[in-house]
Protein backbone atom coordinates (compact mmCIF):
# COMPACT_ATOMS: atom_id res chain seq x y z
CA UNK A 1 126.82 115.10 48.10
CA UNK A 2 125.92 118.59 46.37
CA UNK A 3 125.81 118.94 42.28
CA UNK A 4 128.79 120.96 42.09
CA UNK A 5 130.55 119.16 44.24
CA UNK A 6 129.71 116.27 42.21
CA UNK A 7 131.09 117.27 39.48
CA UNK A 8 134.18 118.70 40.63
CA UNK A 9 134.77 115.62 41.93
CA UNK A 10 134.32 113.52 38.71
CA UNK A 11 136.16 116.35 36.74
CA UNK A 12 139.25 116.19 39.25
CA UNK A 13 139.03 112.08 38.45
CA UNK A 14 138.97 112.67 35.57
CA UNK A 15 142.49 114.54 35.38
CA UNK A 16 143.72 111.21 35.96
CA UNK A 17 142.06 109.18 33.89
CA UNK A 18 144.39 107.46 30.92
CA UNK A 19 143.88 108.63 27.50
CA UNK A 20 141.42 106.57 25.31
CA UNK A 21 141.68 106.60 21.48
CA UNK A 22 138.48 105.91 19.77
CA UNK A 23 137.90 103.02 18.15
CA UNK A 24 138.89 101.73 14.94
CA UNK A 25 136.87 103.56 11.90
CA UNK A 26 135.46 106.67 14.13
CA UNK A 27 135.18 109.74 12.04
CA UNK A 28 134.13 112.99 13.93
CA UNK A 29 132.14 115.66 12.72
CA UNK A 30 134.98 118.93 11.72
CA UNK A 31 133.10 120.60 14.28
CA UNK A 32 132.65 118.87 16.91
CA UNK A 33 134.33 120.37 19.06
CA UNK A 34 132.16 123.43 19.48
CA UNK A 35 129.78 121.09 20.87
CA UNK A 36 129.65 120.82 24.94
CA UNK A 37 127.42 119.89 27.49
CA UNK A 38 126.50 120.34 30.72
CA UNK A 39 124.00 119.05 33.14
CA UNK A 40 120.53 120.29 33.46
CA UNK A 41 118.48 117.28 35.28
CA UNK A 42 120.41 115.27 38.12
CA UNK A 43 122.67 114.89 39.84
CA UNK A 44 126.36 112.12 39.03
CA UNK A 45 125.44 109.04 40.82
CA UNK A 46 121.70 109.23 41.41
CA UNK A 47 118.89 107.47 40.27
CA UNK A 48 115.90 108.96 42.05
CA UNK A 49 112.90 111.86 41.02
CA UNK A 50 113.05 114.49 43.33
CA UNK A 51 110.50 116.82 42.93
CA UNK A 52 111.94 120.47 43.48
CA UNK A 53 115.57 121.63 42.23
CA UNK A 54 115.61 119.97 38.61
CA UNK A 55 119.87 119.28 39.72
CA UNK A 56 119.17 117.46 42.51
CA UNK A 57 116.74 114.63 40.99
CA UNK A 58 116.98 112.17 38.22
CA UNK A 59 114.44 111.32 34.83
CA UNK A 60 113.01 108.02 36.94
CA UNK A 61 112.35 105.66 34.05
CA UNK A 62 114.15 102.58 32.27
CA UNK A 63 117.15 102.49 33.96
CA UNK A 64 118.84 100.00 31.09
CA UNK A 65 118.24 102.42 28.05
CA UNK A 66 117.56 105.61 29.55
CA UNK A 67 114.73 108.34 28.65
CA UNK A 68 112.36 108.24 25.81
CA UNK A 69 111.78 111.96 24.06
CA UNK A 70 111.73 114.77 25.81
CA UNK A 71 109.30 117.79 24.58
CA UNK A 72 108.97 121.35 25.23
CA UNK A 73 105.85 123.23 25.48
CA UNK A 74 105.30 126.71 24.63
CA UNK A 75 106.45 128.41 27.45
CA UNK A 76 109.94 126.34 27.30
CA UNK A 77 109.19 124.00 29.92
CA UNK A 78 110.64 120.58 29.57
CA UNK A 79 108.25 117.17 29.50
CA UNK A 80 109.54 114.01 29.81
CA UNK A 81 107.92 110.26 30.34
CA UNK A 82 108.89 108.54 33.18
CA UNK A 83 107.27 105.30 33.47
CA UNK A 84 104.94 105.72 36.05
CA UNK A 85 104.67 109.42 35.85
CA UNK A 86 105.10 113.00 33.45
CA UNK A 87 107.44 114.89 34.78
CA UNK A 88 108.01 118.81 33.52
CA UNK A 89 110.63 120.82 34.59
CA UNK A 90 110.57 124.54 34.36
CA UNK A 91 112.42 127.64 33.25
CA UNK A 92 113.14 128.51 36.22
CA UNK A 93 114.99 125.17 36.91
CA UNK A 94 112.62 123.44 39.28
CA UNK A 95 111.14 119.81 38.53
CA UNK A 96 107.28 118.21 39.33
CA UNK A 97 104.76 116.23 38.51
CA UNK A 98 102.97 116.41 36.00
CA UNK A 99 100.48 113.75 36.14
CA UNK A 100 101.11 109.92 37.57
CA UNK A 101 102.69 109.01 40.35
CA UNK A 102 106.16 108.33 41.02
CA UNK A 103 107.21 104.70 41.84
CA UNK A 104 102.99 103.73 41.67
CA UNK A 105 101.64 102.18 38.32
CA UNK A 106 98.09 102.40 37.64
CA UNK A 107 95.46 102.97 34.46
CA UNK A 108 93.54 105.68 35.34
CA UNK A 109 92.38 108.75 32.98
CA UNK A 110 91.21 111.89 34.63
CA UNK A 111 92.83 115.02 36.26
CA UNK A 112 96.19 114.88 35.95
CA UNK A 113 96.39 114.86 39.79
CA UNK A 114 94.62 111.90 39.77
CA UNK A 115 95.70 109.94 36.64
CA UNK A 116 97.81 107.24 36.51
CA UNK A 117 100.56 105.39 34.36
CA UNK A 118 101.96 102.44 33.94
CA UNK A 119 104.83 102.40 31.47
CA UNK A 120 104.65 105.90 29.81
CA UNK A 121 107.69 105.21 27.27
CA UNK A 122 107.80 107.67 25.11
CA UNK A 123 105.97 111.14 24.02
CA UNK A 124 105.30 113.94 21.28
CA UNK A 125 103.51 117.08 21.34
CA UNK A 126 100.96 118.48 18.22
CA UNK A 127 101.35 122.28 17.17
CA UNK A 128 98.55 122.75 19.73
CA UNK A 129 100.04 121.59 22.74
CA UNK A 130 98.42 118.30 23.49
CA UNK A 131 101.05 115.68 24.71
CA UNK A 132 100.66 112.28 23.24
CA UNK A 133 101.95 109.42 25.51
CA UNK A 134 102.43 105.68 24.91
CA UNK A 135 102.19 103.99 27.74
CA UNK A 136 103.08 100.41 27.12
CA UNK A 137 102.49 98.51 29.87
CA UNK A 138 98.41 99.35 29.84
CA UNK A 139 99.02 98.65 25.91
CA UNK A 140 97.21 102.22 25.02
CA UNK A 141 97.64 105.92 23.61
CA UNK A 142 97.40 108.51 25.96
CA UNK A 143 96.39 112.07 25.57
CA UNK A 144 97.48 115.25 27.90
CA UNK A 145 95.46 118.24 27.51
CA UNK A 146 95.06 121.34 28.96
CA UNK A 147 91.10 121.38 29.37
CA UNK A 148 89.98 124.93 31.36
CA UNK A 149 93.40 125.32 32.14
CA UNK A 150 93.62 122.23 34.28
CA UNK A 151 95.43 119.27 32.53
CA UNK A 152 93.46 115.80 31.70
CA UNK A 153 94.28 112.64 31.09
CA UNK A 154 92.50 110.69 28.23
CA UNK A 155 93.05 107.44 26.53
CA UNK A 156 92.70 107.97 23.03
CA UNK A 157 93.91 104.15 21.69
CA UNK A 158 93.97 100.40 22.65
CA UNK A 159 92.32 98.62 24.79
CA UNK A 160 93.73 99.08 28.87
CA UNK A 161 95.79 95.54 29.63
CA UNK A 162 94.59 93.47 25.84
CA UNK A 163 97.69 92.93 23.24
CA UNK A 164 97.51 92.51 20.28
CA UNK A 165 97.31 93.82 16.74
CA UNK A 166 93.80 95.16 15.20
CA UNK A 167 93.14 97.93 13.20
CA UNK A 168 89.96 99.77 13.25
CA UNK A 169 88.07 102.33 15.91
CA UNK A 170 90.42 103.78 18.06
CA UNK A 171 89.51 102.66 21.52
CA UNK A 172 89.69 98.96 20.03
CA UNK A 173 92.61 98.73 18.66
CA UNK A 174 94.97 96.46 19.74
CA UNK A 175 98.91 97.25 20.05
CA UNK A 176 101.31 94.79 20.35
CA UNK A 177 104.88 94.81 22.52
CA UNK A 178 107.59 96.50 22.17
CA UNK A 179 104.80 99.09 21.80
CA UNK A 180 107.28 102.06 22.50
CA UNK A 181 107.49 104.93 20.18
CA UNK A 182 105.16 107.68 18.92
CA UNK A 183 105.65 110.96 16.46
CA UNK A 184 103.22 113.44 15.41
CA UNK A 185 103.23 115.33 11.51
CA UNK A 186 103.07 118.61 10.77
CA UNK A 187 99.66 117.77 10.21
CA UNK A 188 99.17 116.66 13.08
CA UNK A 189 98.77 113.24 12.35
CA UNK A 190 100.22 110.39 15.23
CA UNK A 191 102.53 107.48 13.85
CA UNK A 192 103.35 104.79 16.16
CA UNK A 193 105.58 101.52 16.58
CA UNK A 194 104.70 98.52 18.26
CA UNK A 195 106.45 95.75 17.42
CA UNK A 196 107.51 95.79 13.63
CA UNK A 197 104.07 97.67 12.86
CA UNK A 198 104.07 101.42 11.56
CA UNK A 199 100.43 102.35 12.54
CA UNK A 200 99.14 106.16 12.06
CA UNK A 201 96.16 107.27 14.45
CA UNK A 202 93.98 110.30 12.68
CA UNK A 203 92.45 111.08 15.75
CA UNK A 204 89.35 108.46 15.37
CA UNK A 205 90.96 105.47 13.61
CA UNK A 206 94.41 103.65 13.94
CA UNK A 207 95.66 101.41 10.66
CA UNK A 208 98.42 99.64 9.86
CA UNK A 209 100.89 101.01 7.35
CA UNK A 210 103.50 98.05 6.07
CA UNK A 211 103.95 94.10 6.00
CA UNK A 212 104.94 93.18 9.30
CA UNK A 213 108.16 91.86 10.54
CA UNK A 214 111.39 91.24 8.25
CA UNK A 215 113.63 93.85 5.96
CA UNK A 216 111.76 94.67 2.65
CA UNK A 217 112.07 98.25 1.54
CA UNK A 218 109.91 99.45 -1.20
CA UNK A 219 106.69 100.33 -0.95
CA UNK A 220 105.74 101.10 2.52
CA UNK A 221 102.53 98.56 2.30
CA UNK A 222 105.09 96.21 1.54
CA UNK A 223 107.94 96.92 3.72
CA UNK A 224 109.25 95.44 6.55
CA UNK A 225 110.84 96.66 10.01
CA UNK A 226 112.25 94.34 12.34
CA UNK A 227 112.41 95.85 15.90
CA UNK A 228 112.14 93.20 18.23
CA UNK A 229 113.10 94.45 21.99
CA UNK A 230 114.36 97.67 21.14
CA UNK A 231 112.50 99.78 24.09
CA UNK A 232 113.75 103.46 22.52
CA UNK A 233 112.24 105.93 20.82
CA UNK A 234 112.32 105.13 17.44
CA UNK A 235 110.52 107.45 15.01
CA UNK A 236 111.81 110.96 14.34
CA UNK A 237 110.12 113.22 12.10
CA UNK A 238 112.83 115.39 9.53
CA UNK A 239 112.38 119.05 7.68
CA UNK A 240 110.58 117.82 4.86
CA UNK A 241 107.55 115.68 6.55
CA UNK A 242 109.77 112.05 5.83
CA UNK A 243 109.60 109.60 8.91
CA UNK A 244 113.25 107.75 10.28
CA UNK A 245 112.88 104.65 11.99
CA UNK A 246 115.36 102.75 14.05
CA UNK A 247 115.33 99.54 13.31
CA UNK A 248 117.51 97.78 15.70
CA UNK A 249 117.98 94.08 13.95
CA UNK A 250 118.30 95.33 10.68
CA UNK A 251 121.25 97.05 11.48
CA UNK A 252 120.00 100.56 9.84
CA UNK A 253 117.92 103.63 10.40
CA UNK A 254 115.36 103.37 7.44
CA UNK A 255 113.58 106.58 6.05
CA UNK A 256 109.95 106.30 5.42
CA UNK A 257 108.63 108.98 2.26
CA UNK A 258 105.04 109.29 3.51
CA UNK A 259 104.13 111.02 0.19
CA UNK A 260 105.43 109.27 -1.90
CA UNK A 261 104.74 105.74 0.42
CA UNK A 262 108.20 104.56 0.20
CA UNK A 263 110.90 102.67 2.32
CA UNK A 264 114.37 103.18 1.74
CA UNK A 265 117.96 102.96 4.33
CA UNK A 266 118.96 106.29 5.03
CA UNK A 267 122.06 104.91 7.02
CA UNK A 268 123.54 101.03 8.40
CA UNK A 269 123.11 97.74 6.17
CA UNK A 270 121.20 97.39 2.97
CA UNK A 271 118.91 94.50 2.93
CA UNK A 272 121.03 91.17 2.82
CA UNK A 273 124.19 93.65 3.15
CA UNK A 274 126.78 92.01 5.73
CA UNK A 275 126.79 93.60 9.02
CA UNK A 276 130.66 93.64 9.74
CA UNK A 277 132.29 95.72 12.63
CA UNK A 278 131.05 99.27 13.63
CA UNK A 279 132.52 101.97 11.64
CA UNK A 280 131.89 105.71 10.25
CA UNK A 281 132.22 106.73 6.80
CA UNK A 282 129.48 107.19 4.13
CA UNK A 283 125.84 106.15 5.38
CA UNK A 284 124.89 103.42 3.61
CA UNK A 285 128.74 101.22 3.58
CA UNK A 286 128.52 102.29 7.87
CA UNK A 287 127.31 99.86 10.35
CA UNK A 288 126.37 100.17 13.65
CA UNK A 289 127.52 97.44 16.66
CA UNK A 290 126.14 93.75 15.37
CA UNK A 291 125.03 92.92 19.04
CA UNK A 292 121.91 95.74 18.29
CA UNK A 293 121.22 98.23 15.94
CA UNK A 294 119.93 101.37 16.19
CA UNK A 295 116.96 102.02 18.82
CA UNK A 296 116.35 105.41 19.07
CA UNK A 297 116.61 108.24 17.04
CA UNK A 298 116.25 112.33 16.98
CA UNK A 299 116.53 114.38 14.16
CA UNK A 300 117.43 118.22 15.04
CA UNK A 301 115.72 120.33 12.81
CA UNK A 302 117.61 123.10 13.46
CA UNK A 303 120.74 121.56 11.76
CA UNK A 304 119.64 119.30 9.93
CA UNK A 305 121.01 116.12 10.82
CA UNK A 306 119.67 112.78 12.04
CA UNK A 307 121.58 111.27 15.92
CA UNK A 308 121.23 107.71 16.25
CA UNK A 309 121.50 105.49 19.15
CA UNK A 310 122.83 101.89 18.64
CA UNK A 311 122.12 99.31 21.27
CA UNK A 312 125.63 98.24 22.10
CA UNK A 313 127.37 101.43 21.30
CA UNK A 314 128.09 103.51 24.33
CA UNK A 315 128.48 107.29 21.85
CA UNK A 316 126.00 108.20 19.59
CA UNK A 317 126.35 108.87 16.05
CA UNK A 318 125.19 111.73 13.61
CA UNK A 319 124.27 111.15 9.80
CA UNK A 320 124.64 114.02 7.90
CA UNK A 321 125.37 114.77 4.05
CA UNK A 322 125.42 111.18 3.44
CA UNK A 323 128.37 110.30 6.24
CA UNK A 324 127.55 108.53 9.27
CA UNK A 325 129.94 109.63 12.23
CA UNK A 326 130.67 109.67 16.04
CA UNK A 327 129.06 112.75 17.70
CA UNK A 328 130.85 112.87 20.63
CA UNK A 329 130.99 110.56 24.44
CA UNK A 330 133.61 108.66 23.83
CA UNK A 331 134.36 108.36 27.80
CA UNK A 332 132.47 105.24 27.83
CA UNK A 333 131.03 104.51 31.90
CA UNK A 334 133.69 105.56 34.12
CA UNK A 335 132.90 107.32 36.61
CA UNK A 336 136.49 109.01 36.26
CA UNK A 337 135.20 110.55 32.91
CA UNK A 338 134.03 114.15 32.95
CA UNK A 339 130.56 115.20 32.40
CA UNK A 340 130.46 118.20 31.37
CA UNK A 341 132.46 120.06 28.67
CA UNK A 342 133.57 119.77 25.26
CA UNK A 343 131.60 116.50 24.20
CA UNK A 344 134.55 114.95 22.46
CA UNK A 345 135.16 112.84 25.75
CA UNK A 346 132.70 113.24 27.44
CA UNK A 347 131.89 109.81 29.86
CA UNK A 348 128.53 107.96 27.75
CA UNK A 349 126.68 106.29 30.24
CA UNK A 350 123.92 105.06 27.57
CA UNK A 351 124.17 108.25 26.03
CA UNK A 352 120.70 108.58 24.14
CA UNK A 353 119.31 111.81 21.83
CA UNK A 354 116.28 112.79 23.73
CA UNK A 355 115.47 116.46 22.40
CA UNK A 356 115.56 119.74 20.94
CA UNK A 357 114.55 123.12 21.85
CA UNK A 358 113.22 126.17 19.77
CA UNK A 359 116.89 127.37 19.71
CA UNK A 360 118.97 124.31 18.26
CA UNK A 361 120.25 122.98 21.78
CA UNK A 362 120.10 119.19 21.87
CA UNK A 363 119.34 117.02 24.65
CA UNK A 364 120.96 113.53 25.77
CA UNK A 365 119.90 111.19 28.27
CA UNK A 366 121.64 109.18 30.88
CA UNK A 367 121.09 105.99 32.55
CA UNK A 368 123.84 103.42 33.91
CA UNK A 369 125.92 104.00 36.77
CA UNK A 370 127.09 107.10 36.18
CA UNK A 371 123.65 108.56 36.97
CA UNK A 372 120.42 109.36 35.52
CA UNK A 373 120.71 112.99 33.72
CA UNK A 374 120.07 114.96 31.12
CA UNK A 375 122.64 117.37 29.77
CA UNK A 376 122.13 119.75 27.35
CA UNK A 377 124.30 120.51 23.98
CA UNK A 378 124.93 123.39 23.14
CA UNK A 379 127.09 124.49 20.13
CA UNK A 380 129.41 127.66 20.49
CA UNK A 381 129.04 130.02 17.84
CA UNK A 382 132.13 130.74 15.88
CA UNK A 383 134.71 133.50 16.97
């Protein structure tokens, strides 16, 4: 089935779908109807990577939770981590393998064409274009960088195949599970989340910044997180250098002020507060689903807001101006719901926020029965 036929079929079926009222407590942003989505990678019902036209193949990766963050290189090409390989989607609409091998895991550094990955979960890019990749199954941090015009893969932190918690020289440090999140600050420092530890990699040394498992806010050295089983890209930087953490089992997004060394609750439940049913509203009164809080976050710098994906909610939440609201995609997982158009009631398909381009367009991933895709979400200008 072609992409056009597939989308047309879904659109036709959606016309017969019954109207779906949002759950109680839903608040939509005032400008929601200016946001529209279209598929840019993958096609309905497909879960297989295809090298060639990007609209023919899916973004291979974790079917249960969707892709981690994507990045855009200096030429505007999209790069995604896909478990056993790194995929690049060119501006010309073609998809190809950048490093690793689809479906074949392993651990090999060297030229990108010969390198192997076992669990490429998340990636982040520094200002020089180097890409850091969390390889969870191998328990290491990898770096993908051009050298003499060719891409090379090197291990920069961790001991391949050894799990634990140890700071020190980067190649002797150990990471725990889940090891699933990476973010790079504007000054080039790499921050990592493994289990409930926020770690820092400065190019030579790995350092643990917080006190481990729990819910405590306050000084970073005494702060605690609870992200067990998160399996999502749980770190993102804001415009002022603040670091946001998707703290799943504390049912909150936490904000780390790295300059002051302070952790606070940004939205969701404060430590000790009741969780309650999911609802929108003032950020610290709003709640995520009690079956599993936020595991993936993205700060959209162009528009100055945060997007968060909660484990048992099909839609995403937007946190802006001190309020948490629902950012569309309220059509559930039904293949009878449209995938493209105004986002208010599009099919969600475990929609996750995965990236932002230079123009401020947002990219969301899908990894459920509706297909393994990336959709581009664009805000229409005021008429």
